[in-house]
Amino acid sequence: MKLLQIDSSPLAANSVSRELTRRVVGQWKANHPGTTVEHLDLAKDAPSHLNMDSLGFRLGVDAPDLSEVQKRENVVSEQLVSQFLAADVIVVGAPMYNFSIPSQLKAWIDRIAQAGRTFKYTEKGPQGLAGGKTVIVASTRGGVYSTNPALAGLDHQESYLKTVFGFLGITDVRFVRAEGVAMGEEAKAKALAAADGEIRTHAQVAANEAAKAIRA
């Protein structure tokens, strides 16, 4: 089993989302011995945002008259989408930035959302091609949004990620959430404790599913 761990926070050791991805991956490996982990750190190695050169992948790798820059950008896009497609499990560290996700995570999504690779258009509409994977999002927020109706409409972080991975055909999208982490040390500790509980719950669900598969 291949697991792709993606971190997007630039806060290094001070990042709550990085701490959560570390815990999620550790728990997953404990429950799934033999899992191989590949780490993609978007704070250190983010692809450039889409422009006239990096959009070259939409023309196809073998399209004629590509510039040298476009060819180099195509190599980056191909590496990222191949890495994504090869993974069975994707653990994504996604802090909320201004009600959405970090721009470096969005840049990665823009590179892997490729027609013909991760989705296709049909006469009945778009169809995802990356199904069968599990995505676990380590979601962190400075405030509390999930239980506050006045703020719930501002969440374009979890809602976006669920939508975009669903568009790619992934129906098993889970969230490990720590919110209120900027509301004092006590609130942060409670948020991390709640996230730990969610990690254990997801691990138990995965273990139960594996047991059912063995008995089937």
C-alpha atoms as a PDB file:
ATOM      1  CA  MET A   1       0.000   0.000   0.000  1.00  0.00           C
ATOM      2  CA  LYS A   2       1.312   3.446  -0.945  1.00  0.00           C
ATOM      3  CA  LEU A   3       0.574   6.527   1.151  1.00  0.00           C
ATOM      4  CA  LEU A   4       1.257  10.050  -0.069  1.00  0.00           C
ATOM      5  CA  GLN A   5       1.657  12.611   2.730  1.00  0.00           C
ATOM      6  CA  ILE A   6       1.203  16.194   1.601  1.00  0.00           C
ATOM      7  CA  ASP A   7       2.017  19.175   3.805  1.00  0.00           C
ATOM      8  CA  SER A   8       1.299  22.736   2.758  1.00  0.00           C
ATOM      9  CA  SER A   9       1.865  24.878   5.842  1.00  0.00           C
ATOM     10  CA  PRO A  10       5.044  27.002   5.822  1.00  0.00           C
ATOM     11  CA  LEU A  11       5.157  27.095   9.629  1.00  0.00           C
ATOM     12  CA  ALA A  12       7.479  24.078  10.014  1.00  0.00           C
ATOM     13  CA  ALA A  13       7.562  22.832  13.612  1.00  0.00           C
ATOM     14  CA  ASN A  14       4.938  25.419  14.648  1.00  0.00           C
ATOM     15  CA  SER A  15       2.365  24.009  12.227  1.00  0.00           C
ATOM     16  CA  VAL A  16      -0.645  22.250  13.721  1.00  0.00           C
ATOM     17  CA  SER A  17      -1.606  20.694  10.386  1.00  0.00           C
ATOM     18  CA  ARG A  18       1.871  19.150  10.059  1.00  0.00           C
ATOM     19  CA  GLU A  19       1.543  17.695  13.530  1.00  0.00           C
ATOM     20  CA  LEU A  20      -1.800  16.183  12.568  1.00  0.00           C
ATOM     21  CA  THR A  21      -0.525  14.670   9.315  1.00  0.00           C
ATOM     22  CA  ARG A  22       2.345  13.147  11.284  1.00  0.00           C
ATOM     23  CA  ARG A  23      -0.102  11.581  13.744  1.00  0.00           C
ATOM     24  CA  VAL A  24      -2.449  10.380  10.996  1.00  0.00           C
ATOM     25  CA  VAL A  25       0.384   8.747   9.052  1.00  0.00           C
ATOM     26  CA  GLY A  26       1.776   7.145  12.216  1.00  0.00           C
ATOM     27  CA  GLN A  27      -1.606   5.676  13.121  1.00  0.00           C
ATOM     28  CA  TRP A  28      -2.175   4.464   9.548  1.00  0.00           C
ATOM     29  CA  LYS A  29       1.198   2.718   9.445  1.00  0.00           C
ATOM     30  CA  ALA A  30       0.518   1.099  12.820  1.00  0.00           C
ATOM     31  CA  ASN A  31      -2.738  -0.335  11.476  1.00  0.00           C
ATOM     32  CA  HIS A  32      -1.392  -1.157   8.018  1.00  0.00           C
ATOM     33  CA  PRO A  33       2.102  -2.639   8.359  1.00  0.00           C
ATOM     34  CA  GLY A  34       4.081  -2.528   5.161  1.00  0.00           C
ATOM     35  CA  THR A  35       2.667   0.821   4.055  1.00  0.00           C
ATOM     36  CA  THR A  36       5.246   2.859   2.156  1.00  0.00           C
ATOM     37  CA  VAL A  37       5.146   6.614   2.652  1.00  0.00           C
ATOM     38  CA  GLU A  38       6.150   9.323   0.200  1.00  0.00           C
ATOM     39  CA  HIS A  39       6.259  12.902   1.469  1.00  0.00           C
ATOM     40  CA  LEU A  40       5.487  15.961  -0.617  1.00  0.00           C
ATOM     41  CA  ASP A  41       6.274  19.246   1.147  1.00  0.00           C
ATOM     42  CA  LEU A  42       4.554  21.989  -0.818  1.00  0.00           C
ATOM     43  CA  ALA A  43       6.021  24.709   1.383  1.00  0.00           C
ATOM     44  CA  LYS A  44       9.462  23.726   0.079  1.00  0.00           C
ATOM     45  CA  ASP A  45       8.642  22.327  -3.347  1.00  0.00           C
ATOM     46  CA  ALA A  46       5.396  23.824  -4.626  1.00  0.00           C
ATOM     47  CA  PRO A  47       4.704  23.925  -8.365  1.00  0.00           C
ATOM     48  CA  SER A  48       4.260  27.347  -9.893  1.00  0.00           C
ATOM     49  CA  HIS A  49       0.754  28.661 -10.321  1.00  0.00           C
ATOM     50  CA  LEU A  50      -0.853  28.068 -13.687  1.00  0.00           C
ATOM     51  CA  ASN A  51       0.211  30.410 -16.458  1.00  0.00           C
ATOM     52  CA  MET A  52       0.709  30.199 -20.208  1.00  0.00           C
ATOM     53  CA  ASP A  53       3.699  27.916 -19.755  1.00  0.00           C
ATOM     54  CA  SER A  54       2.479  25.590 -17.010  1.00  0.00           C
ATOM     55  CA  LEU A  55      -0.857  25.104 -18.807  1.00  0.00           C
ATOM     56  CA  GLY A  56       1.056  23.192 -21.458  1.00  0.00           C
ATOM     57  CA  PHE A  57      -0.078  19.839 -20.040  1.00  0.00           C
ATOM     58  CA  ARG A  58      -3.517  20.569 -21.453  1.00  0.00           C
ATOM     59  CA  LEU A  59      -1.981  20.422 -24.918  1.00  0.00           C
ATOM     60  CA  GLY A  60      -0.488  16.989 -24.283  1.00  0.00           C
ATOM     61  CA  VAL A  61       3.060  15.936 -23.555  1.00  0.00           C
ATOM     62  CA  ASP A  62       3.769  15.279 -27.236  1.00  0.00           C
ATOM     63  CA  ALA A  63       2.127  18.421 -28.571  1.00  0.00           C
ATOM     64  CA  PRO A  64       4.234  20.130 -31.257  1.00  0.00           C
ATOM     65  CA  ASP A  65       5.873  23.526 -30.869  1.00  0.00           C
ATOM     66  CA  LEU A  66       6.107  23.469 -27.074  1.00  0.00           C
ATOM     67  CA  SER A  67       8.745  25.823 -25.729  1.00  0.00           C
ATOM     68  CA  GLU A  68      11.539  24.549 -23.502  1.00  0.00           C
ATOM     69  CA  VAL A  69       9.832  26.175 -20.517  1.00  0.00           C
ATOM     70  CA  GLN A  70       6.544  24.463 -21.348  1.00  0.00           C
ATOM     71  CA  LYS A  71       8.315  21.122 -21.660  1.00  0.00           C
ATOM     72  CA  ARG A  72       9.916  21.575 -18.230  1.00  0.00           C
ATOM     73  CA  GLU A  73       6.563  22.534 -16.721  1.00  0.00           C
ATOM     74  CA  ASN A  74       4.958  19.486 -18.352  1.00  0.00           C
ATOM     75  CA  VAL A  75       7.519  17.287 -16.630  1.00  0.00           C
ATOM     76  CA  VAL A  76       6.527  18.788 -13.262  1.00  0.00           C
ATOM     77  CA  SER A  77       2.820  18.239 -13.943  1.00  0.00           C
ATOM     78  CA  GLU A  78       3.433  14.668 -15.083  1.00  0.00           C
ATOM     79  CA  GLN A  79       5.471  13.862 -11.983  1.00  0.00           C
ATOM     80  CA  LEU A  80       2.779  15.232  -9.675  1.00  0.00           C
ATOM     81  CA  VAL A  81      -0.172  13.534 -11.348  1.00  0.00           C
ATOM     82  CA  SER A  82       1.694  10.202 -11.603  1.00  0.00           C
ATOM     83  CA  GLN A  83       2.612  10.408  -7.909  1.00  0.00           C
ATOM     84  CA  PHE A  84      -1.008  11.121  -7.012  1.00  0.00           C
ATOM     85  CA  LEU A  85      -2.401   8.298  -9.143  1.00  0.00           C
ATOM     86  CA  ALA A  86       0.102   5.797  -7.726  1.00  0.00           C
ATOM     87  CA  ALA A  87      -1.006   6.450  -4.134  1.00  0.00           C
ATOM     88  CA  ASP A  88      -3.668   4.358  -2.425  1.00  0.00           C
ATOM     89  CA  VAL A  89      -4.005   6.786   0.478  1.00  0.00           C
ATOM     90  CA  ILE A  90      -3.425  10.544   0.454  1.00  0.00           C
ATOM     91  CA  VAL A  91      -3.019  12.446   3.728  1.00  0.00           C
ATOM     92  CA  VAL A  92      -3.339  16.180   3.154  1.00  0.00           C
ATOM     93  CA  GLY A  93      -2.336  18.850   5.649  1.00  0.00           C
ATOM     94  CA  ALA A  94      -4.674  21.757   4.907  1.00  0.00           C
ATOM     95  CA  PRO A  95      -4.730  24.769   7.221  1.00  0.00           C
ATOM     96  CA  MET A  96      -7.441  27.338   6.614  1.00  0.00           C
ATOM     97  CA  TYR A  97      -6.014  30.500   5.072  1.00  0.00           C
ATOM     98  CA  ASN A  98      -8.517  33.335   4.639  1.00  0.00           C
ATOM     99  CA  PHE A  99     -11.439  30.865   4.629  1.00  0.00           C
ATOM    100  CA  SER A 100      -9.824  28.626   1.995  1.00  0.00           C
ATOM    101  CA  ILE A 101      -6.625  26.613   1.496  1.00  0.00           C
ATOM    102  CA  PRO A 102      -2.998  27.715   1.065  1.00  0.00           C
ATOM    103  CA  SER A 103      -2.202  28.806  -2.476  1.00  0.00           C
ATOM    104  CA  GLN A 104       0.563  26.217  -2.745  1.00  0.00           C
ATOM    105  CA  LEU A 105      -1.970  23.442  -2.120  1.00  0.00           C
ATOM    106  CA  LYS A 106      -4.255  24.966  -4.744  1.00  0.00           C
ATOM    107  CA  ALA A 107      -1.309  25.009  -7.174  1.00  0.00           C
ATOM    108  CA  TRP A 108      -0.828  21.273  -6.601  1.00  0.00           C
ATOM    109  CA  ILE A 109      -4.525  20.595  -7.191  1.00  0.00           C
ATOM    110  CA  ASP A 110      -4.399  22.587 -10.422  1.00  0.00           C
ATOM    111  CA  ARG A 111      -1.572  20.354 -11.643  1.00  0.00           C
ATOM    112  CA  ILE A 112      -3.253  17.017 -10.841  1.00  0.00           C
ATOM    113  CA  ALA A 113      -6.713  17.973 -12.115  1.00  0.00           C
ATOM    114  CA  GLN A 114      -5.998  16.837 -15.651  1.00  0.00           C
ATOM    115  CA  ALA A 115      -8.635  15.868 -18.192  1.00  0.00           C
ATOM    116  CA  GLY A 116      -7.934  12.351 -19.399  1.00  0.00           C
ATOM    117  CA  ARG A 117      -5.820  11.500 -16.344  1.00  0.00           C
ATOM    118  CA  THR A 118      -7.851  12.192 -13.213  1.00  0.00           C
ATOM    119  CA  PHE A 119     -11.225  13.013 -14.813  1.00  0.00           C
ATOM    120  CA  LYS A 120     -12.886  13.028 -18.193  1.00  0.00           C
ATOM    121  CA  TYR A 121     -15.849  14.666 -19.840  1.00  0.00           C
ATOM    122  CA  THR A 122     -18.643  12.437 -21.101  1.00  0.00           C
ATOM    123  CA  GLU A 123     -22.016  13.038 -22.718  1.00  0.00           C
ATOM    124  CA  LYS A 124     -23.496  12.760 -19.222  1.00  0.00           C
ATOM    125  CA  GLY A 125     -21.033  15.209 -17.691  1.00  0.00           C
ATOM    126  CA  PRO A 126     -17.645  14.926 -15.986  1.00  0.00           C
ATOM    127  CA  GLN A 127     -16.506  11.591 -14.574  1.00  0.00           C
ATOM    128  CA  GLY A 128     -13.714  11.095 -12.054  1.00  0.00           C
ATOM    129  CA  LEU A 129     -10.930   8.672 -12.929  1.00  0.00           C
ATOM    130  CA  ALA A 130      -9.087   8.532  -9.585  1.00  0.00           C
ATOM    131  CA  GLY A 131     -11.566   6.472  -7.585  1.00  0.00           C
ATOM    132  CA  GLY A 132     -10.704   3.766  -5.096  1.00  0.00           C
ATOM    133  CA  LYS A 133      -8.430   5.965  -3.015  1.00  0.00           C
ATOM    134  CA  THR A 134      -8.775   7.183   0.556  1.00  0.00           C
ATOM    135  CA  VAL A 135      -8.107  10.843   1.291  1.00  0.00           C
ATOM    136  CA  ILE A 136      -7.632  12.003   4.875  1.00  0.00           C
ATOM    137  CA  VAL A 137      -7.530  15.766   5.306  1.00  0.00           C
ATOM    138  CA  ALA A 138      -5.863  17.212   8.395  1.00  0.00           C
ATOM    139  CA  SER A 139      -7.930  20.384   8.641  1.00  0.00           C
ATOM    140  CA  THR A 140      -6.849  23.169  10.988  1.00  0.00           C
ATOM    141  CA  ARG A 141      -8.568  26.478  11.695  1.00  0.00           C
ATOM    142  CA  GLY A 142      -7.744  29.368  13.978  1.00  0.00           C
ATOM    143  CA  GLY A 143     -11.428  29.858  14.773  1.00  0.00           C
ATOM    144  CA  VAL A 144     -14.415  27.569  15.175  1.00  0.00           C
ATOM    145  CA  TYR A 145     -16.550  27.124  12.071  1.00  0.00           C
ATOM    146  CA  SER A 146     -18.147  23.669  12.183  1.00  0.00           C
ATOM    147  CA  THR A 147     -20.471  24.388  15.103  1.00  0.00           C
ATOM    148  CA  ASN A 148     -21.055  28.101  14.534  1.00  0.00           C
ATOM    149  CA  PRO A 149     -23.877  28.744  12.050  1.00  0.00           C
ATOM    150  CA  ALA A 150     -22.766  32.354  11.685  1.00  0.00           C
ATOM    151  CA  LEU A 151     -19.351  31.247  10.414  1.00  0.00           C
ATOM    152  CA  ALA A 152     -20.190  27.989   8.634  1.00  0.00           C
ATOM    153  CA  GLY A 153     -20.816  29.812   5.362  1.00  0.00           C
ATOM    154  CA  LEU A 154     -17.259  31.117   5.408  1.00  0.00           C
ATOM    155  CA  ASP A 155     -15.788  27.625   5.126  1.00  0.00           C
ATOM    156  CA  HIS A 156     -14.357  27.291   1.635  1.00  0.00           C
ATOM    157  CA  GLN A 157     -11.619  24.993   2.883  1.00  0.00           C
ATOM    158  CA  GLU A 158     -13.153  21.623   3.747  1.00  0.00           C
ATOM    159  CA  SER A 159     -16.077  22.115   1.374  1.00  0.00           C
ATOM    160  CA  TYR A 160     -13.708  22.823  -1.530  1.00  0.00           C
ATOM    161  CA  LEU A 161     -11.452  19.847  -0.821  1.00  0.00           C
ATOM    162  CA  LYS A 162     -14.396  17.465  -0.548  1.00  0.00           C
ATOM    163  CA  THR A 163     -15.766  18.810  -3.823  1.00  0.00           C
ATOM    164  CA  VAL A 164     -12.523  18.683  -5.798  1.00  0.00           C
ATOM    165  CA  PHE A 165     -11.532  15.188  -4.651  1.00  0.00           C
ATOM    166  CA  GLY A 166     -15.093  14.046  -5.339  1.00  0.00           C
ATOM    167  CA  PHE A 167     -14.821  15.519  -8.823  1.00  0.00           C
ATOM    168  CA  LEU A 168     -11.750  13.334  -9.344  1.00  0.00           C
ATOM    169  CA  GLY A 169     -13.811  10.271  -8.390  1.00  0.00           C
ATOM    170  CA  ILE A 170     -12.731   9.864  -4.763  1.00  0.00           C
ATOM    171  CA  THR A 171     -15.704   9.130  -2.536  1.00  0.00           C
ATOM    172  CA  ASP A 172     -13.772   8.202   0.620  1.00  0.00           C
ATOM    173  CA  VAL A 173     -12.755  11.660   1.866  1.00  0.00           C
ATOM    174  CA  ARG A 174     -12.298  11.922   5.635  1.00  0.00           C
ATOM    175  CA  PHE A 175     -11.503  14.911   7.833  1.00  0.00           C
ATOM    176  CA  VAL A 176      -9.445  15.132  10.993  1.00  0.00           C
ATOM    177  CA  ARG A 177     -10.213  18.590  12.319  1.00  0.00           C
ATOM    178  CA  ALA A 178      -8.550  20.838  14.877  1.00  0.00           C
ATOM    179  CA  GLU A 179     -10.264  24.202  15.078  1.00  0.00           C
ATOM    180  CA  GLY A 180     -10.009  27.084  17.492  1.00  0.00           C
ATOM    181  CA  VAL A 181      -6.233  26.623  17.641  1.00  0.00           C
ATOM    182  CA  ALA A 182      -5.685  30.416  17.731  1.00  0.00           C
ATOM    183  CA  MET A 183      -8.099  30.938  20.627  1.00  0.00           C
ATOM    184  CA  GLY A 184      -5.636  30.263  23.426  1.00  0.00           C
ATOM    185  CA  GLU A 185      -3.584  27.337  24.676  1.00  0.00           C
ATOM    186  CA  GLU A 186      -6.503  25.626  26.391  1.00  0.00           C
ATOM    187  CA  ALA A 187      -8.618  25.762  23.227  1.00  0.00           C
ATOM    188  CA  LYS A 188      -5.690  24.498  21.170  1.00  0.00           C
ATOM    189  CA  ALA A 189      -5.123  21.560  23.527  1.00  0.00           C
ATOM    190  CA  LYS A 190      -8.808  20.638  23.359  1.00  0.00           C
ATOM    191  CA  ALA A 191      -8.722  20.860  19.560  1.00  0.00           C
ATOM    192  CA  LEU A 192      -5.742  18.522  19.335  1.00  0.00           C
ATOM    193  CA  ALA A 193      -7.358  16.086  21.748  1.00  0.00           C
ATOM    194  CA  ALA A 194     -10.524  16.071  19.623  1.00  0.00           C
ATOM    195  CA  ALA A 195      -8.428  15.500  16.499  1.00  0.00           C
ATOM    196  CA  ASP A 196      -6.681  12.562  18.178  1.00  0.00           C
ATOM    197  CA  GLY A 197     -10.080  11.038  18.840  1.00  0.00           C
ATOM    198  CA  GLU A 198     -11.002  11.400  15.177  1.00  0.00           C
ATOM    199  CA  ILE A 199      -7.710   9.787  14.148  1.00  0.00           C
ATOM    200  CA  ARG A 200      -8.430   6.780  16.360  1.00  0.00           C
ATOM    201  CA  THR A 201     -11.982   6.566  14.999  1.00  0.00           C
ATOM    202  CA  HIS A 202     -10.797   6.561  11.379  1.00  0.00           C
ATOM    203  CA  ALA A 203      -8.169   3.965  12.240  1.00  0.00           C
ATOM    204  CA  GLN A 204     -10.794   1.696  13.807  1.00  0.00           C
ATOM    205  CA  VAL A 205     -13.098   2.096  10.814  1.00  0.00           C
ATOM    206  CA  ALA A 206     -10.222   1.167   8.491  1.00  0.00           C
ATOM    207  CA  ALA A 207      -9.366  -1.859  10.631  1.00  0.00           C
ATOM    208  CA  ASN A 208     -12.993  -3.028  10.588  1.00  0.00           C
ATOM    209  CA  GLU A 209     -13.175  -2.640   6.812  1.00  0.00           C
ATOM    210  CA  ALA A 210      -9.983  -4.659   6.390  1.00  0.00           C
ATOM    211  CA  ALA A 211     -11.341  -7.403   8.621  1.00  0.00           C
ATOM    212  CA  LYS A 212     -14.544  -7.579   6.583  1.00  0.00           C
ATOM    213  CA  ALA A 213     -12.530  -7.820   3.370  1.00  0.00           C
ATOM    214  CA  ILE A 214     -10.551 -10.760   4.768  1.00  0.00           C
ATOM    215  CA  ARG A 215     -13.729 -12.609   5.787  1.00  0.00           C
ATOM    216  CA  ALA A 216     -15.443 -11.957   2.452  1.00  0.00           C
END
